[in-house]
Amino acid sequence: MPSALFVVSEEGYWGEECIEPLTTLDDAGVEVTVATPTGEPPVVDERSVDPANVGEETAERVRDIHETDPRLNDPESVTEVNAADHDAVVFPGGHGTEWDINQDRHARALLREAVEHGDTKALVVCHAVGILAFTRDADGDFLVAGRQVTGFPNEWEEGIVDDHDLMPDGRKLPYWVEDEVRAVGAEWDAELDAEASVTVDGDLVTARGPGSSSAAARTLLSELGVDA
C-alpha cells in the first residue's frame, strides 16, 4: 500500500488544500500520516471554513474532517518523520505556511529528500510553494532553480493584503510567494487563464491554489501509479 506524509501548518492551513488531497488519497487506498512543525494539531485558516468564502458544503465538510480526523488531531512532529518512509510528501497551502512550514529546516529537508532521492514524490500547494524559495539541494544550490512550477500568484495576493501587506487578520505577510520563487531561478507559470493549474517537473508536483486541489491530488496519484 502506498503511503503519503502530509506536512501541515500550525499557523493556518487552507482547508480545501489539505482536506481534498487527504480524502482523495484515502479513497484511493493511500496510507496517510500527518506531521506538523511541533507535533501540535494543525490550525485551519478560518477564512477557509467561512461559508461566505467557500460555500456551505465545503465549509461544513472541511470543518468536520478538521475536527474529527485522528491524524489531524494527533499528528507527528516533522523532527520524527522521514521522506524515505513514504511514497509522497504533501505540503498543503495557506498563508500560515509562510510563518512556519516554509521556514522550518526539517520541513525543507523532507522536501529535499522527496525530490532528490529514491522514488518519493512531493506535492506542494499554493502558499506552501514558497518553501521552494528557501530549500537548497545537496550541492547547496536552490532546489527549484530551472524547474517548472506553479503556485499562488501575485495577482491574487493583491486582492488579499492591504497597501502595507497586512492580512485580514492583521498579520503582516512576510513575502509574496511568486516573487521569492522566481528570485531563486524557478520557471514560474501560474496559468491564470486556466481553471486549475498543476505542474509536474520530475518528482516535484506544484499546484496553484484551492481550485487546483482536486486536480493536484489526481495528478499525484497518477505519478504514484495509483488508480484514482
C-alpha atoms as a PDB file:
ATOM      1  CA  MET A   1       0.000   0.000   0.000  1.00  0.00           C
ATOM      2  CA  PRO A   2       1.472   3.386  -0.958  1.00  0.00           C
ATOM      3  CA  SER A   3       1.843   5.995   1.755  1.00  0.00           C
ATOM      4  CA  ALA A   4       1.912   9.777   1.939  1.00  0.00           C
ATOM      5  CA  LEU A   5       3.146  12.204   4.570  1.00  0.00           C
ATOM      6  CA  PHE A   6       1.203  15.468   4.914  1.00  0.00           C
ATOM      7  CA  VAL A   7       3.191  18.390   6.367  1.00  0.00           C
ATOM      8  CA  VAL A   8       0.562  20.808   7.674  1.00  0.00           C
ATOM      9  CA  SER A   9       0.768  24.320   9.131  1.00  0.00           C
ATOM     10  CA  GLU A  10       0.087  25.172  12.756  1.00  0.00           C
ATOM     11  CA  GLU A  11      -0.279  28.820  11.721  1.00  0.00           C
ATOM     12  CA  GLY A  12      -3.235  28.316   9.379  1.00  0.00           C
ATOM     13  CA  TYR A  13      -3.647  25.855   6.513  1.00  0.00           C
ATOM     14  CA  TRP A  14      -6.261  26.429   3.813  1.00  0.00           C
ATOM     15  CA  GLY A  15      -8.929  23.800   4.381  1.00  0.00           C
ATOM     16  CA  GLU A  16      -9.602  22.569   0.875  1.00  0.00           C
ATOM     17  CA  GLU A  17      -5.890  22.365   0.021  1.00  0.00           C
ATOM     18  CA  CYS A  18      -5.358  19.800   2.762  1.00  0.00           C
ATOM     19  CA  ILE A  19      -8.698  18.016   3.025  1.00  0.00           C
ATOM     20  CA  GLU A  20      -9.265  17.470  -0.709  1.00  0.00           C
ATOM     21  CA  PRO A  21      -5.902  15.716  -1.316  1.00  0.00           C
ATOM     22  CA  LEU A  22      -6.141  13.868   2.005  1.00  0.00           C
ATOM     23  CA  THR A  23      -9.566  12.392   1.314  1.00  0.00           C
ATOM     24  CA  THR A  24      -8.751  11.704  -2.347  1.00  0.00           C
ATOM     25  CA  LEU A  25      -5.666   9.735  -1.335  1.00  0.00           C
ATOM     26  CA  ASP A  26      -7.673   7.976   1.382  1.00  0.00           C
ATOM     27  CA  ASP A  27     -10.261   6.885  -1.165  1.00  0.00           C
ATOM     28  CA  ALA A  28      -7.502   5.526  -3.409  1.00  0.00           C
ATOM     29  CA  GLY A  29      -6.110   3.390  -0.597  1.00  0.00           C
ATOM     30  CA  VAL A  30      -3.060   5.526   0.193  1.00  0.00           C
ATOM     31  CA  GLU A  31      -1.990   5.388   3.844  1.00  0.00           C
ATOM     32  CA  VAL A  32      -1.730   8.971   5.155  1.00  0.00           C
ATOM     33  CA  THR A  33       0.370  10.292   8.047  1.00  0.00           C
ATOM     34  CA  VAL A  34       0.140  13.909   9.214  1.00  0.00           C
ATOM     35  CA  ALA A  35       3.035  15.907  10.665  1.00  0.00           C
ATOM     36  CA  THR A  36       3.324  19.493  11.898  1.00  0.00           C
ATOM     37  CA  PRO A  37       6.353  21.541  12.948  1.00  0.00           C
ATOM     38  CA  THR A  38       5.990  20.804  16.670  1.00  0.00           C
ATOM     39  CA  GLY A  39       3.616  17.854  16.674  1.00  0.00           C
ATOM     40  CA  GLU A  40       0.723  20.005  17.845  1.00  0.00           C
ATOM     41  CA  PRO A  41      -2.538  19.799  15.855  1.00  0.00           C
ATOM     42  CA  PRO A  42      -2.606  21.975  12.738  1.00  0.00           C
ATOM     43  CA  VAL A  43      -4.749  25.104  12.664  1.00  0.00           C
ATOM     44  CA  VAL A  44      -7.245  25.703   9.870  1.00  0.00           C
ATOM     45  CA  ASP A  45      -7.487  29.202   8.391  1.00  0.00           C
ATOM     46  CA  GLU A  46     -10.916  30.413   9.492  1.00  0.00           C
ATOM     47  CA  ARG A  47     -11.467  32.075   6.116  1.00  0.00           C
ATOM     48  CA  SER A  48     -11.304  28.616   4.522  1.00  0.00           C
ATOM     49  CA  VAL A  49     -14.225  27.370   6.613  1.00  0.00           C
ATOM     50  CA  ASP A  50     -16.314  30.521   6.215  1.00  0.00           C
ATOM     51  CA  PRO A  51     -19.392  29.686   4.112  1.00  0.00           C
ATOM     52  CA  ALA A  52     -19.326  33.219   2.709  1.00  0.00           C
ATOM     53  CA  ASN A  53     -15.919  32.473   1.172  1.00  0.00           C
ATOM     54  CA  VAL A  54     -16.097  28.814   0.205  1.00  0.00           C
ATOM     55  CA  GLY A  55     -19.777  27.847   0.284  1.00  0.00           C
ATOM     56  CA  GLU A  56     -21.787  25.931   2.856  1.00  0.00           C
ATOM     57  CA  GLU A  57     -20.893  22.445   1.608  1.00  0.00           C
ATOM     58  CA  THR A  58     -17.117  22.951   1.512  1.00  0.00           C
ATOM     59  CA  ALA A  59     -17.080  24.816   4.826  1.00  0.00           C
ATOM     60  CA  GLU A  60     -19.026  22.082   6.617  1.00  0.00           C
ATOM     61  CA  ARG A  61     -17.009  19.240   5.086  1.00  0.00           C
ATOM     62  CA  VAL A  62     -13.639  20.808   5.856  1.00  0.00           C
ATOM     63  CA  ARG A  63     -14.523  21.762   9.412  1.00  0.00           C
ATOM     64  CA  ASP A  64     -15.944  18.308  10.151  1.00  0.00           C
ATOM     65  CA  ILE A  65     -12.825  16.491   8.922  1.00  0.00           C
ATOM     66  CA  HIS A  66     -10.513  19.014  10.587  1.00  0.00           C
ATOM     67  CA  GLU A  67     -12.219  18.425  13.931  1.00  0.00           C
ATOM     68  CA  THR A  68     -12.671  14.647  13.749  1.00  0.00           C
ATOM     69  CA  ASP A  69      -9.815  13.142  11.736  1.00  0.00           C
ATOM     70  CA  PRO A  70      -7.477  11.434  14.238  1.00  0.00           C
ATOM     71  CA  ARG A  71      -4.421  12.111  12.086  1.00  0.00           C
ATOM     72  CA  LEU A  72      -5.071  15.852  12.154  1.00  0.00           C
ATOM     73  CA  ASN A  73      -5.831  15.796  15.863  1.00  0.00           C
ATOM     74  CA  ASP A  74      -2.753  13.793  16.853  1.00  0.00           C
ATOM     75  CA  PRO A  75      -0.011  14.487  14.289  1.00  0.00           C
ATOM     76  CA  GLU A  76       3.641  13.539  14.312  1.00  0.00           C
ATOM     77  CA  SER A  77       6.420  16.119  14.598  1.00  0.00           C
ATOM     78  CA  VAL A  78       8.419  16.904  11.461  1.00  0.00           C
ATOM     79  CA  THR A  79      11.513  16.103  13.508  1.00  0.00           C
ATOM     80  CA  GLU A  80      10.400  12.475  13.840  1.00  0.00           C
ATOM     81  CA  VAL A  81       9.432  11.545  10.274  1.00  0.00           C
ATOM     82  CA  ASN A  82      11.393  10.710   7.134  1.00  0.00           C
ATOM     83  CA  ALA A  83      10.525  11.270   3.500  1.00  0.00           C
ATOM     84  CA  ALA A  84      12.130   7.945   2.567  1.00  0.00           C
ATOM     85  CA  ASP A  85       9.480   6.109   4.587  1.00  0.00           C
ATOM     86  CA  HIS A  86       6.746   7.388   2.259  1.00  0.00           C
ATOM     87  CA  ASP A  87       5.937   7.382  -1.425  1.00  0.00           C
ATOM     88  CA  ALA A  88       4.877  11.039  -1.352  1.00  0.00           C
ATOM     89  CA  VAL A  89       5.254  14.113   0.835  1.00  0.00           C
ATOM     90  CA  VAL A  90       2.402  16.629   0.569  1.00  0.00           C
ATOM     91  CA  PHE A  91       2.605  20.283   1.617  1.00  0.00           C
ATOM     92  CA  PRO A  92      -0.888  21.842   1.757  1.00  0.00           C
ATOM     93  CA  GLY A  93      -1.001  25.597   1.375  1.00  0.00           C
ATOM     94  CA  GLY A  94      -2.487  28.505   3.238  1.00  0.00           C
ATOM     95  CA  HIS A  95      -0.958  31.812   4.280  1.00  0.00           C
ATOM     96  CA  GLY A  96       0.044  30.205   7.572  1.00  0.00           C
ATOM     97  CA  THR A  97       2.788  28.224   5.834  1.00  0.00           C
ATOM     98  CA  GLU A  98       4.728  31.458   5.384  1.00  0.00           C
ATOM     99  CA  TRP A  99       5.248  31.657   9.155  1.00  0.00           C
ATOM    100  CA  ASP A 100       6.105  28.046   9.897  1.00  0.00           C
ATOM    101  CA  ILE A 101       6.358  25.306   7.250  1.00  0.00           C
ATOM    102  CA  ASN A 102       8.268  27.311   4.666  1.00  0.00           C
ATOM    103  CA  GLN A 103      10.775  28.487   7.278  1.00  0.00           C
ATOM    104  CA  ASP A 104      11.226  25.131   9.011  1.00  0.00           C
ATOM    105  CA  ARG A 105      14.514  23.381   8.293  1.00  0.00           C
ATOM    106  CA  HIS A 106      13.054  19.951   8.987  1.00  0.00           C
ATOM    107  CA  ALA A 107      10.182  20.566   6.585  1.00  0.00           C
ATOM    108  CA  ARG A 108      12.644  21.768   3.953  1.00  0.00           C
ATOM    109  CA  ALA A 109      14.736  18.641   4.488  1.00  0.00           C
ATOM    110  CA  LEU A 110      11.646  16.494   3.887  1.00  0.00           C
ATOM    111  CA  LEU A 111      11.027  18.321   0.615  1.00  0.00           C
ATOM    112  CA  ARG A 112      14.636  17.986  -0.481  1.00  0.00           C
ATOM    113  CA  GLU A 113      14.734  14.284   0.333  1.00  0.00           C
ATOM    114  CA  ALA A 114      11.478  13.661  -1.527  1.00  0.00           C
ATOM    115  CA  VAL A 115      12.619  15.416  -4.688  1.00  0.00           C
ATOM    116  CA  GLU A 116      16.258  14.324  -4.747  1.00  0.00           C
ATOM    117  CA  HIS A 117      16.257  10.756  -3.508  1.00  0.00           C
ATOM    118  CA  GLY A 118      14.586   7.478  -4.413  1.00  0.00           C
ATOM    119  CA  ASP A 119      11.082   7.157  -5.749  1.00  0.00           C
ATOM    120  CA  THR A 120       9.354   9.620  -3.411  1.00  0.00           C
ATOM    121  CA  LYS A 121       7.234  12.403  -4.926  1.00  0.00           C
ATOM    122  CA  ALA A 122       6.475  15.837  -3.484  1.00  0.00           C
ATOM    123  CA  LEU A 123       3.225  17.767  -3.919  1.00  0.00           C
ATOM    124  CA  VAL A 124       3.396  21.429  -2.890  1.00  0.00           C
ATOM    125  CA  VAL A 125       0.256  23.560  -2.990  1.00  0.00           C
ATOM    126  CA  CYS A 126      -0.433  27.309  -3.121  1.00  0.00           C
ATOM    127  CA  HIS A 127       1.457  29.352  -0.474  1.00  0.00           C
ATOM    128  CA  ALA A 128       3.436  26.280   0.557  1.00  0.00           C
ATOM    129  CA  VAL A 129       5.189  26.634  -2.819  1.00  0.00           C
ATOM    130  CA  GLY A 130       7.105  29.398  -1.036  1.00  0.00           C
ATOM    131  CA  ILE A 131       9.153  26.674   0.669  1.00  0.00           C
ATOM    132  CA  LEU A 132      10.935  26.239  -2.670  1.00  0.00           C
ATOM    133  CA  ALA A 133      12.473  29.689  -2.262  1.00  0.00           C
ATOM    134  CA  PHE A 134      14.293  28.538   0.873  1.00  0.00           C
ATOM    135  CA  THR A 135      15.208  24.923   0.053  1.00  0.00           C
ATOM    136  CA  ARG A 136      18.639  24.031  -1.280  1.00  0.00           C
ATOM    137  CA  ASP A 137      19.736  20.770  -2.836  1.00  0.00           C
ATOM    138  CA  ALA A 138      22.601  18.557  -1.700  1.00  0.00           C
ATOM    139  CA  ASP A 139      25.093  20.733  -3.598  1.00  0.00           C
ATOM    140  CA  GLY A 140      23.895  23.926  -1.941  1.00  0.00           C
ATOM    141  CA  ASP A 141      22.030  25.232  -4.983  1.00  0.00           C
ATOM    142  CA  PHE A 142      18.356  26.154  -4.902  1.00  0.00           C
ATOM    143  CA  LEU A 143      16.276  23.027  -5.378  1.00  0.00           C
ATOM    144  CA  VAL A 144      13.806  24.748  -7.689  1.00  0.00           C
ATOM    145  CA  ALA A 145      16.304  26.508  -9.962  1.00  0.00           C
ATOM    146  CA  GLY A 146      15.384  25.765 -13.574  1.00  0.00           C
ATOM    147  CA  ARG A 147      12.274  23.772 -12.644  1.00  0.00           C
ATOM    148  CA  GLN A 148       8.793  24.431 -13.989  1.00  0.00           C
ATOM    149  CA  VAL A 149       6.409  25.396 -11.166  1.00  0.00           C
ATOM    150  CA  THR A 150       3.053  26.960 -10.417  1.00  0.00           C
ATOM    151  CA  GLY A 151       1.801  28.468  -7.171  1.00  0.00           C
ATOM    152  CA  PHE A 152      -0.119  31.321  -5.572  1.00  0.00           C
ATOM    153  CA  PRO A 153       0.291  34.312  -7.918  1.00  0.00           C
ATOM    154  CA  ASN A 154       0.999  37.936  -7.080  1.00  0.00           C
ATOM    155  CA  GLU A 155      -2.137  38.956  -8.923  1.00  0.00           C
ATOM    156  CA  TRP A 156      -4.263  37.116  -6.378  1.00  0.00           C
ATOM    157  CA  GLU A 157      -2.244  38.322  -3.397  1.00  0.00           C
ATOM    158  CA  GLU A 158      -3.037  41.899  -4.368  1.00  0.00           C
ATOM    159  CA  GLY A 159      -6.693  41.234  -3.628  1.00  0.00           C
ATOM    160  CA  ILE A 160      -5.982  39.920  -0.113  1.00  0.00           C
ATOM    161  CA  VAL A 161      -3.391  42.133   1.581  1.00  0.00           C
ATOM    162  CA  ASP A 162      -3.629  45.889   2.017  1.00  0.00           C
ATOM    163  CA  ASP A 163      -1.078  48.506   0.968  1.00  0.00           C
ATOM    164  CA  HIS A 164       1.062  47.593   3.976  1.00  0.00           C
ATOM    165  CA  ASP A 165       0.966  43.843   3.249  1.00  0.00           C
ATOM    166  CA  LEU A 166      -1.353  43.298   6.205  1.00  0.00           C
ATOM    167  CA  MET A 167      -3.579  40.230   6.117  1.00  0.00           C
ATOM    168  CA  PRO A 168      -7.280  40.408   7.029  1.00  0.00           C
ATOM    169  CA  ASP A 169      -6.320  39.057  10.478  1.00  0.00           C
ATOM    170  CA  GLY A 170      -3.809  41.880  10.956  1.00  0.00           C
ATOM    171  CA  ARG A 171      -0.618  39.859  10.483  1.00  0.00           C
ATOM    172  CA  LYS A 172       1.947  41.272   8.075  1.00  0.00           C
ATOM    173  CA  LEU A 173       2.674  38.952   5.169  1.00  0.00           C
ATOM    174  CA  PRO A 174       6.467  38.432   5.212  1.00  0.00           C
ATOM    175  CA  TYR A 175       6.862  37.780   1.470  1.00  0.00           C
ATOM    176  CA  TRP A 176       4.953  37.059  -1.733  1.00  0.00           C
ATOM    177  CA  VAL A 177       5.386  33.515  -2.985  1.00  0.00           C
ATOM    178  CA  GLU A 178       5.736  34.298  -6.673  1.00  0.00           C
ATOM    179  CA  ASP A 179       8.439  36.920  -6.098  1.00  0.00           C
ATOM    180  CA  GLU A 180      10.561  34.671  -3.896  1.00  0.00           C
ATOM    181  CA  VAL A 181      10.278  31.553  -6.039  1.00  0.00           C
ATOM    182  CA  ARG A 182      11.080  33.450  -9.220  1.00  0.00           C
ATOM    183  CA  ALA A 183      14.091  35.031  -7.498  1.00  0.00           C
ATOM    184  CA  VAL A 184      15.792  31.669  -6.961  1.00  0.00           C
ATOM    185  CA  GLY A 185      15.516  30.664 -10.605  1.00  0.00           C
ATOM    186  CA  ALA A 186      12.227  28.800 -10.972  1.00  0.00           C
ATOM    187  CA  GLU A 187      10.370  28.831 -14.279  1.00  0.00           C
ATOM    188  CA  TRP A 188       7.076  30.217 -12.951  1.00  0.00           C
ATOM    189  CA  ASP A 189       3.708  29.977 -14.705  1.00  0.00           C
ATOM    190  CA  ALA A 190       0.523  30.127 -12.616  1.00  0.00           C
ATOM    191  CA  GLU A 191      -1.630  29.724 -15.757  1.00  0.00           C
ATOM    192  CA  LEU A 192      -4.037  32.462 -14.711  1.00  0.00           C
ATOM    193  CA  ASP A 193      -6.360  31.804 -17.647  1.00  0.00           C
ATOM    194  CA  ALA A 194      -6.809  28.145 -16.667  1.00  0.00           C
ATOM    195  CA  GLU A 195      -9.435  26.817 -14.263  1.00  0.00           C
ATOM    196  CA  ALA A 196      -6.785  24.754 -12.475  1.00  0.00           C
ATOM    197  CA  SER A 197      -3.002  24.802 -12.577  1.00  0.00           C
ATOM    198  CA  VAL A 198      -0.857  21.774 -11.716  1.00  0.00           C
ATOM    199  CA  THR A 199       2.739  21.402 -12.900  1.00  0.00           C
ATOM    200  CA  VAL A 200       4.924  18.297 -12.848  1.00  0.00           C
ATOM    201  CA  ASP A 201       8.711  18.570 -13.086  1.00  0.00           C
ATOM    202  CA  GLY A 202      10.431  15.327 -12.218  1.00  0.00           C
ATOM    203  CA  ASP A 203       9.440  14.248  -8.710  1.00  0.00           C
ATOM    204  CA  LEU A 204       8.086  17.718  -7.892  1.00  0.00           C
ATOM    205  CA  VAL A 205       4.376  18.478  -8.362  1.00  0.00           C
ATOM    206  CA  THR A 206       3.122  22.005  -7.660  1.00  0.00           C
ATOM    207  CA  ALA A 207      -0.427  23.363  -7.615  1.00  0.00           C
ATOM    208  CA  ARG A 208      -1.720  26.937  -7.757  1.00  0.00           C
ATOM    209  CA  GLY A 209      -4.421  27.177  -5.095  1.00  0.00           C
ATOM    210  CA  PRO A 210      -7.693  25.827  -3.659  1.00  0.00           C
ATOM    211  CA  GLY A 211      -9.338  25.339  -7.040  1.00  0.00           C
ATOM    212  CA  SER A 212      -6.423  23.159  -8.137  1.00  0.00           C
ATOM    213  CA  SER A 213      -6.512  20.882  -5.083  1.00  0.00           C
ATOM    214  CA  SER A 214      -8.574  18.115  -6.679  1.00  0.00           C
ATOM    215  CA  ALA A 215      -6.517  18.103  -9.881  1.00  0.00           C
ATOM    216  CA  ALA A 216      -3.340  18.118  -7.803  1.00  0.00           C
ATOM    217  CA  ALA A 217      -4.455  15.056  -5.843  1.00  0.00           C
ATOM    218  CA  ARG A 218      -5.359  13.164  -9.010  1.00  0.00           C
ATOM    219  CA  THR A 219      -2.045  14.136 -10.593  1.00  0.00           C
ATOM    220  CA  LEU A 220      -0.139  12.871  -7.576  1.00  0.00           C
ATOM    221  CA  LEU A 221      -1.994   9.556  -7.696  1.00  0.00           C
ATOM    222  CA  SER A 222      -1.107   9.257 -11.378  1.00  0.00           C
ATOM    223  CA  GLU A 223       2.554   9.970 -10.596  1.00  0.00           C
ATOM    224  CA  LEU A 224       2.412   7.255  -7.963  1.00  0.00           C
ATOM    225  CA  GLY A 225       0.840   4.808 -10.403  1.00  0.00           C
ATOM    226  CA  VAL A 226      -2.340   4.588  -8.314  1.00  0.00           C
ATOM    227  CA  ASP A 227      -5.783   4.481  -9.904  1.00  0.00           C
ATOM    228  CA  ALA A 228      -7.907   7.422  -8.756  1.00  0.00           C
END
